[in-house]
Amino acid sequence: MDSSSRKAASAGRRAGHGSLTHPARTGLLLVTPAVLFVGVFVLVPLAFALVISLTNWPLIGTVKFSGLKNYGAIVSDAAFAKSVLYTLLYTVIVTGPILVLGYALAVLVRRKRRGSTVLRTVFFLPFVVGLSTLSFVTVLEAQPDSGAINIVLRKLGITDGTTAWLVDGPLATGLICVLVIWGVSGLTMMLLMAGMQAIPREYYESSELDGATWWQQEREITIPVLRRTIAMAVIISVVGSLLAFTQFYILTRGGPGTDTTTVVQYIYNRAFVQLQLGAATALSIVLVIVVGLVTAAQFWLLRERD
């Protein structure tokens, strides 16, 4: 390429025409489907939700504009505040055990040894089956007298075998927490195991020559290297807990009374039981904002520090 051609190419790139082999319009064509998808299935519904939140919008009846009335009512909604506190309590209870159990399982199966593949499958299977199926099974196994949970506890001499797990708030909460920890830890295990397997073996060999113990290797090598993966696992767990609905709806329907009503279930009840779609949508918008802020805060707190 002579000097004039090079000058022309350089001028074209400075003018914003992009690479000669990858024109800018090619990039625009490639991202257009994704942009359309986000616009149609995220931005448009979000805008429509904002409109609904500014009305009374009953599922049955006349729609009337109410302005910010729905948002103002949230401040004095004691039932919503109770559901928020319960959801936060549930999140605090399950987040730590999910991470600890997931880490322990990842340590157990990260090495390629006999039986490790089978163990990975067994530990990950509850997550594959899903909380919906596990919750329906738990409904059957938590029944007084006939459920497997009471039968096992009676055999062990812990209870008399007639405990009604799902009609007592604390007992139901404890049962759901155990179910979720067992059902979700497999995902955390897979995330952490993938990160552990990517750590060069030389790091551990060098530390062994220096006389490092197993715990020192985990503390000084594994955990620091896995900081981002651990942060992602915690964020997934926290967001999933804040948006919990399925297991509570299937097992307790928020009862007894409202003792196990989560934020999402409360919004569901306002929309489809009380037929107050406008108020429910306003609550949903607030929930989206709160979850976004919590996620951003976690990213900031768990970020890499120099």
Protein backbone atom coordinates (compact mmCIF):
# COMPACT_ATOMS: atom_id res chain seq x y z
CA MET A 1 0.00 0.00 0.00
CA ASP A 2 1.50 3.33 -1.05
CA SER A 3 1.60 6.44 1.08
CA SER A 4 -1.56 8.00 -0.40
CA SER A 5 -3.57 4.81 0.21
CA ARG A 6 -2.42 4.65 3.82
CA LYS A 7 -3.37 8.27 4.34
CA ALA A 8 -6.81 7.66 2.86
CA ALA A 9 -7.38 4.61 5.10
CA SER A 10 -6.26 6.54 8.17
CA ALA A 11 -8.51 9.46 7.28
CA GLY A 12 -11.45 7.09 6.79
CA ARG A 13 -10.97 5.56 10.23
CA ARG A 14 -10.68 9.00 11.83
CA ALA A 15 -13.88 10.01 10.10
CA GLY A 16 -15.68 7.20 11.95
CA HIS A 17 -15.92 4.66 9.16
CA GLY A 18 -14.30 1.99 11.38
CA SER A 19 -12.23 -0.98 10.26
CA LEU A 20 -11.83 -1.61 6.54
CA THR A 21 -12.52 -5.33 7.06
CA HIS A 22 -15.33 -4.87 9.64
CA PRO A 23 -17.46 -1.85 8.70
CA ALA A 24 -19.48 -0.16 11.43
CA ARG A 25 -22.76 -1.19 9.78
CA THR A 26 -21.77 -4.86 10.22
CA GLY A 27 -21.52 -4.36 13.98
CA LEU A 28 -24.86 -2.58 14.03
CA LEU A 29 -26.50 -5.44 12.14
CA LEU A 30 -25.07 -7.98 14.58
CA VAL A 31 -26.34 -6.20 17.70
CA THR A 32 -29.73 -5.26 16.24
CA PRO A 33 -31.47 -8.55 17.24
CA ALA A 34 -30.28 -8.19 20.83
CA VAL A 35 -31.34 -4.54 20.97
CA LEU A 36 -34.77 -5.41 19.57
CA PHE A 37 -35.15 -8.25 22.05
CA VAL A 38 -34.30 -5.99 25.00
CA GLY A 39 -36.55 -3.25 23.68
CA VAL A 40 -39.59 -5.47 23.06
CA PHE A 41 -39.33 -7.73 26.11
CA VAL A 42 -37.73 -5.43 28.70
CA LEU A 43 -38.07 -1.73 27.96
CA VAL A 44 -41.61 -1.76 26.54
CA PRO A 45 -43.06 -3.88 29.40
CA LEU A 46 -41.20 -1.72 31.92
CA ALA A 47 -42.65 1.44 30.42
CA PHE A 48 -46.12 -0.12 30.40
CA ALA A 49 -45.65 -1.15 34.04
CA LEU A 50 -44.81 2.45 34.94
CA VAL A 51 -48.05 3.57 33.30
CA ILE A 52 -50.06 0.93 35.17
CA SER A 53 -48.47 1.94 38.48
CA LEU A 54 -49.89 5.45 38.03
CA THR A 55 -53.48 4.16 37.80
CA ASN A 56 -55.85 2.09 39.87
CA TRP A 57 -56.01 -0.47 36.98
CA PRO A 58 -58.29 -3.14 38.41
CA LEU A 59 -58.47 -6.43 36.53
CA ILE A 60 -62.24 -5.89 36.59
CA GLY A 61 -63.62 -2.38 36.32
CA THR A 62 -62.74 1.07 34.98
CA VAL A 63 -59.15 2.28 34.83
CA LYS A 64 -58.58 5.66 36.51
CA PHE A 65 -55.42 7.74 36.69
CA SER A 66 -54.24 8.08 40.30
CA GLY A 67 -50.82 9.71 39.93
CA LEU A 68 -48.35 8.87 42.69
CA LYS A 69 -51.05 7.70 45.07
CA ASN A 70 -49.98 4.05 44.81
CA TYR A 71 -46.39 4.94 45.68
CA GLY A 72 -47.46 7.12 48.58
CA ALA A 73 -49.54 4.29 50.03
CA ILE A 74 -46.49 2.02 50.22
CA VAL A 75 -45.06 4.02 53.12
CA SER A 76 -48.07 3.29 55.34
CA ASP A 77 -48.57 -0.32 54.18
CA ALA A 78 -47.82 -2.34 57.33
CA ALA A 79 -48.44 -5.68 55.62
CA PHE A 80 -45.90 -4.85 52.92
CA ALA A 81 -43.36 -3.81 55.55
CA LYS A 82 -43.91 -7.12 57.34
CA SER A 83 -43.32 -9.06 54.11
CA VAL A 84 -40.13 -7.08 53.48
CA LEU A 85 -38.76 -7.86 56.94
CA TYR A 86 -39.64 -11.53 56.56
CA THR A 87 -37.96 -11.69 53.15
CA LEU A 88 -34.82 -10.05 54.53
CA LEU A 89 -34.78 -12.52 57.44
CA TYR A 90 -35.14 -15.44 55.03
CA THR A 91 -32.33 -14.02 52.84
CA VAL A 92 -30.00 -13.68 55.82
CA ILE A 93 -30.74 -17.23 56.99
CA VAL A 94 -30.11 -19.02 53.68
CA THR A 95 -27.31 -17.00 52.05
CA GLY A 96 -24.47 -18.02 54.37
CA PRO A 97 -25.25 -21.77 54.48
CA ILE A 98 -25.69 -21.91 50.69
CA LEU A 99 -22.22 -20.41 50.19
CA VAL A 100 -20.54 -22.52 52.88
CA LEU A 101 -22.16 -25.78 51.79
CA GLY A 102 -21.53 -25.02 48.12
CA TYR A 103 -17.86 -24.30 48.86
CA ALA A 104 -17.49 -27.50 50.89
CA LEU A 105 -19.06 -29.58 48.10
CA ALA A 106 -16.83 -27.88 45.50
CA VAL A 107 -13.73 -28.77 47.56
CA LEU A 108 -14.95 -32.36 47.77
CA VAL A 109 -15.44 -32.86 44.02
CA ARG A 110 -12.94 -30.46 42.40
CA ARG A 111 -10.25 -33.09 41.92
CA LYS A 112 -10.54 -35.80 39.26
CA ARG A 113 -10.75 -38.91 41.39
CA ARG A 114 -12.88 -42.03 41.33
CA GLY A 115 -16.53 -41.24 42.04
CA SER A 116 -16.17 -37.46 41.77
CA THR A 117 -18.34 -37.30 38.63
CA VAL A 118 -21.10 -39.25 40.34
CA LEU A 119 -20.93 -37.00 43.39
CA ARG A 120 -21.12 -33.88 41.23
CA THR A 121 -24.23 -35.24 39.57
CA VAL A 122 -25.84 -36.15 42.89
CA PHE A 123 -25.09 -32.77 44.46
CA PHE A 124 -26.24 -30.81 41.40
CA LEU A 125 -29.38 -32.90 40.76
CA PRO A 126 -31.67 -31.05 43.25
CA PHE A 127 -31.03 -27.78 41.40
CA VAL A 128 -31.79 -29.45 38.07
CA VAL A 129 -35.02 -30.92 39.43
CA GLY A 130 -36.06 -27.43 40.52
CA LEU A 131 -37.68 -25.88 43.58
CA SER A 132 -41.17 -26.41 42.19
CA THR A 133 -40.84 -30.20 42.08
CA LEU A 134 -38.96 -30.31 45.37
CA SER A 135 -41.65 -28.19 47.02
CA PHE A 136 -44.47 -30.47 45.85
CA VAL A 137 -42.57 -33.49 47.15
CA THR A 138 -41.98 -31.72 50.46
CA VAL A 139 -45.71 -31.05 50.82
CA LEU A 140 -46.27 -34.80 50.80
CA GLU A 141 -43.32 -35.68 53.01
CA ALA A 142 -44.12 -33.02 55.63
CA GLN A 143 -47.61 -34.32 56.38
CA PRO A 144 -48.28 -35.28 60.03
CA ASP A 145 -48.17 -39.04 60.73
CA SER A 146 -47.73 -40.10 57.08
CA GLY A 147 -44.84 -37.93 55.86
CA ALA A 148 -41.29 -39.30 55.63
CA ILE A 149 -39.92 -36.36 57.64
CA ASN A 150 -42.00 -37.19 60.69
CA ILE A 151 -41.41 -40.92 60.31
CA VAL A 152 -37.62 -40.47 60.29
CA LEU A 153 -37.69 -38.02 63.21
CA ARG A 154 -39.89 -40.41 65.20
CA LYS A 155 -37.49 -43.28 64.52
CA LEU A 156 -34.62 -41.12 65.77
CA GLY A 157 -36.59 -40.20 68.89
CA ILE A 158 -36.48 -36.47 68.12
CA THR A 159 -40.26 -35.90 67.85
CA ASP A 160 -43.42 -37.92 68.36
CA GLY A 161 -43.98 -37.99 64.58
CA THR A 162 -47.07 -35.78 64.50
CA THR A 163 -45.51 -32.37 63.86
CA ALA A 164 -47.55 -30.16 61.50
CA TRP A 165 -44.65 -28.44 59.78
CA LEU A 166 -46.58 -26.29 57.34
CA VAL A 167 -49.12 -24.71 59.70
CA ASP A 168 -46.60 -23.17 62.08
CA GLY A 169 -44.70 -20.06 60.96
CA PRO A 170 -41.24 -20.76 62.46
CA LEU A 171 -41.37 -24.49 61.62
CA ALA A 172 -42.46 -23.80 58.06
CA THR A 173 -39.73 -21.19 57.65
CA GLY A 174 -37.10 -23.60 58.96
CA LEU A 175 -38.30 -26.36 56.64
CA ILE A 176 -38.29 -24.06 53.61
CA CYS A 177 -34.80 -22.79 54.46
CA VAL A 178 -33.46 -26.35 54.68
CA LEU A 179 -35.16 -27.20 51.38
CA VAL A 180 -33.69 -24.16 49.61
CA ILE A 181 -30.19 -24.65 51.02
CA TRP A 182 -30.23 -28.27 49.85
CA GLY A 183 -31.76 -27.44 46.48
CA VAL A 184 -29.60 -24.44 45.54
CA SER A 185 -26.17 -25.31 46.96
CA GLY A 186 -25.46 -27.45 43.90
CA LEU A 187 -25.39 -24.34 41.69
CA THR A 188 -22.91 -22.62 44.01
CA MET A 189 -20.85 -25.81 44.00
CA MET A 190 -20.65 -25.84 40.20
CA LEU A 191 -19.67 -22.16 40.01
CA LEU A 192 -16.94 -22.49 42.63
CA MET A 193 -15.70 -25.83 41.31
CA ALA A 194 -15.21 -24.34 37.84
CA GLY A 195 -13.19 -21.51 39.37
CA MET A 196 -11.12 -23.89 41.50
CA GLN A 197 -10.24 -26.07 38.53
CA ALA A 198 -8.97 -23.01 36.66
CA ILE A 199 -6.37 -22.24 39.35
CA PRO A 200 -2.92 -23.41 38.18
CA ARG A 201 -1.68 -26.42 40.12
CA GLU A 202 1.74 -24.79 40.42
CA TYR A 203 0.36 -22.37 43.03
CA TYR A 204 -0.41 -25.25 45.38
CA GLU A 205 2.81 -27.11 44.65
CA SER A 206 4.87 -24.03 45.51
CA SER A 207 2.98 -23.53 48.76
CA GLU A 208 3.47 -27.21 49.67
CA LEU A 209 7.22 -26.75 49.29
CA ASP A 210 6.96 -23.85 51.73
CA GLY A 211 5.16 -26.10 54.22
CA ALA A 212 1.68 -24.61 53.86
CA THR A 213 -1.21 -26.58 55.34
CA TRP A 214 -4.46 -27.30 53.48
CA TRP A 215 -6.29 -24.49 55.27
CA GLN A 216 -3.47 -22.04 54.53
CA GLN A 217 -3.70 -22.95 50.85
CA GLU A 218 -7.45 -22.36 50.86
CA ARG A 219 -7.12 -19.06 52.71
CA GLU A 220 -4.12 -17.65 50.85
CA ILE A 221 -4.65 -19.08 47.35
CA THR A 222 -8.11 -20.48 46.62
CA ILE A 223 -10.34 -17.89 48.28
CA PRO A 224 -8.46 -14.79 46.99
CA VAL A 225 -8.36 -16.17 43.43
CA LEU A 226 -12.07 -17.06 43.62
CA ARG A 227 -13.11 -13.64 44.93
CA ARG A 228 -15.07 -12.71 41.81
CA THR A 229 -16.69 -16.14 41.54
CA ILE A 230 -17.68 -16.05 45.21
CA ALA A 231 -19.10 -12.55 44.71
CA MET A 232 -21.17 -13.76 41.76
CA ALA A 233 -22.46 -16.75 43.75
CA VAL A 234 -23.45 -14.51 46.68
CA ILE A 235 -25.21 -12.03 44.40
CA ILE A 236 -27.17 -14.82 42.67
CA SER A 237 -28.17 -16.24 46.05
CA VAL A 238 -29.23 -12.88 47.53
CA VAL A 239 -31.24 -11.80 44.47
CA GLY A 240 -32.91 -15.21 44.29
CA SER A 241 -33.85 -14.99 47.96
CA LEU A 242 -35.25 -11.47 47.66
CA LEU A 243 -37.43 -12.66 44.77
CA ALA A 244 -38.46 -15.93 46.44
CA PHE A 245 -41.98 -17.04 45.59
CA THR A 246 -42.36 -20.60 44.30
CA GLN A 247 -41.48 -22.58 47.42
CA PHE A 248 -43.56 -20.36 49.70
CA TYR A 249 -46.58 -20.38 47.40
CA ILE A 250 -46.57 -24.17 47.07
CA LEU A 251 -45.79 -25.03 50.68
CA THR A 252 -47.62 -22.44 52.80
CA ARG A 253 -49.40 -19.93 50.54
CA GLY A 254 -47.95 -17.33 52.88
CA GLY A 255 -49.57 -18.81 55.95
CA PRO A 256 -50.42 -19.38 58.63
CA GLY A 257 -52.00 -15.95 58.27
CA THR A 258 -49.22 -13.86 56.74
CA ASP A 259 -46.35 -15.34 58.77
CA THR A 260 -44.49 -16.68 55.72
CA THR A 261 -45.54 -14.10 53.13
CA THR A 262 -42.60 -12.86 51.05
CA VAL A 263 -42.48 -9.61 49.11
CA VAL A 264 -43.20 -11.25 45.75
CA GLN A 265 -46.09 -13.25 47.18
CA TYR A 266 -47.56 -10.12 48.76
CA ILE A 267 -47.39 -8.38 45.37
CA TYR A 268 -49.00 -11.42 43.76
CA ASN A 269 -51.85 -11.34 46.29
CA ARG A 270 -52.44 -7.61 45.70
CA ALA A 271 -52.60 -8.16 41.94
CA PHE A 272 -54.48 -11.43 41.51
CA VAL A 273 -56.35 -11.94 44.77
CA GLN A 274 -57.31 -8.38 45.69
CA LEU A 275 -57.38 -7.36 42.00
CA GLN A 276 -55.38 -4.16 42.68
CA LEU A 277 -53.05 -4.31 39.69
CA GLY A 278 -52.02 -0.66 39.86
CA ALA A 279 -50.89 -0.87 43.49
CA ALA A 280 -49.19 -4.22 42.87
CA THR A 281 -47.28 -2.80 39.91
CA ALA A 282 -46.08 0.16 41.98
CA LEU A 283 -44.80 -2.31 44.57
CA SER A 284 -43.06 -4.24 41.77
CA ILE A 285 -41.32 -1.10 40.52
CA VAL A 286 -40.08 -0.37 44.04
CA LEU A 287 -38.88 -3.98 44.38
CA VAL A 288 -36.97 -3.78 41.08
CA ILE A 289 -35.26 -0.59 42.25
CA VAL A 290 -34.38 -2.08 45.65
CA VAL A 291 -32.99 -5.28 44.13
CA GLY A 292 -30.95 -3.20 41.68
CA LEU A 293 -29.51 -1.11 44.52
CA VAL A 294 -28.74 -4.19 46.61
CA THR A 295 -27.00 -5.83 43.64
CA ALA A 296 -24.97 -2.68 42.93
CA ALA A 297 -23.99 -2.47 46.61
CA GLN A 298 -22.83 -6.09 46.57
CA PHE A 299 -20.78 -5.48 43.42
CA TRP A 300 -19.13 -2.53 45.15
CA LEU A 301 -18.48 -4.32 48.45
CA LEU A 302 -17.18 -7.50 46.79
CA ARG A 303 -15.20 -5.79 44.05
CA GLU A 304 -11.53 -6.51 43.43
CA ARG A 305 -9.29 -4.23 45.48
CA ASP A 306 -5.71 -3.43 44.55
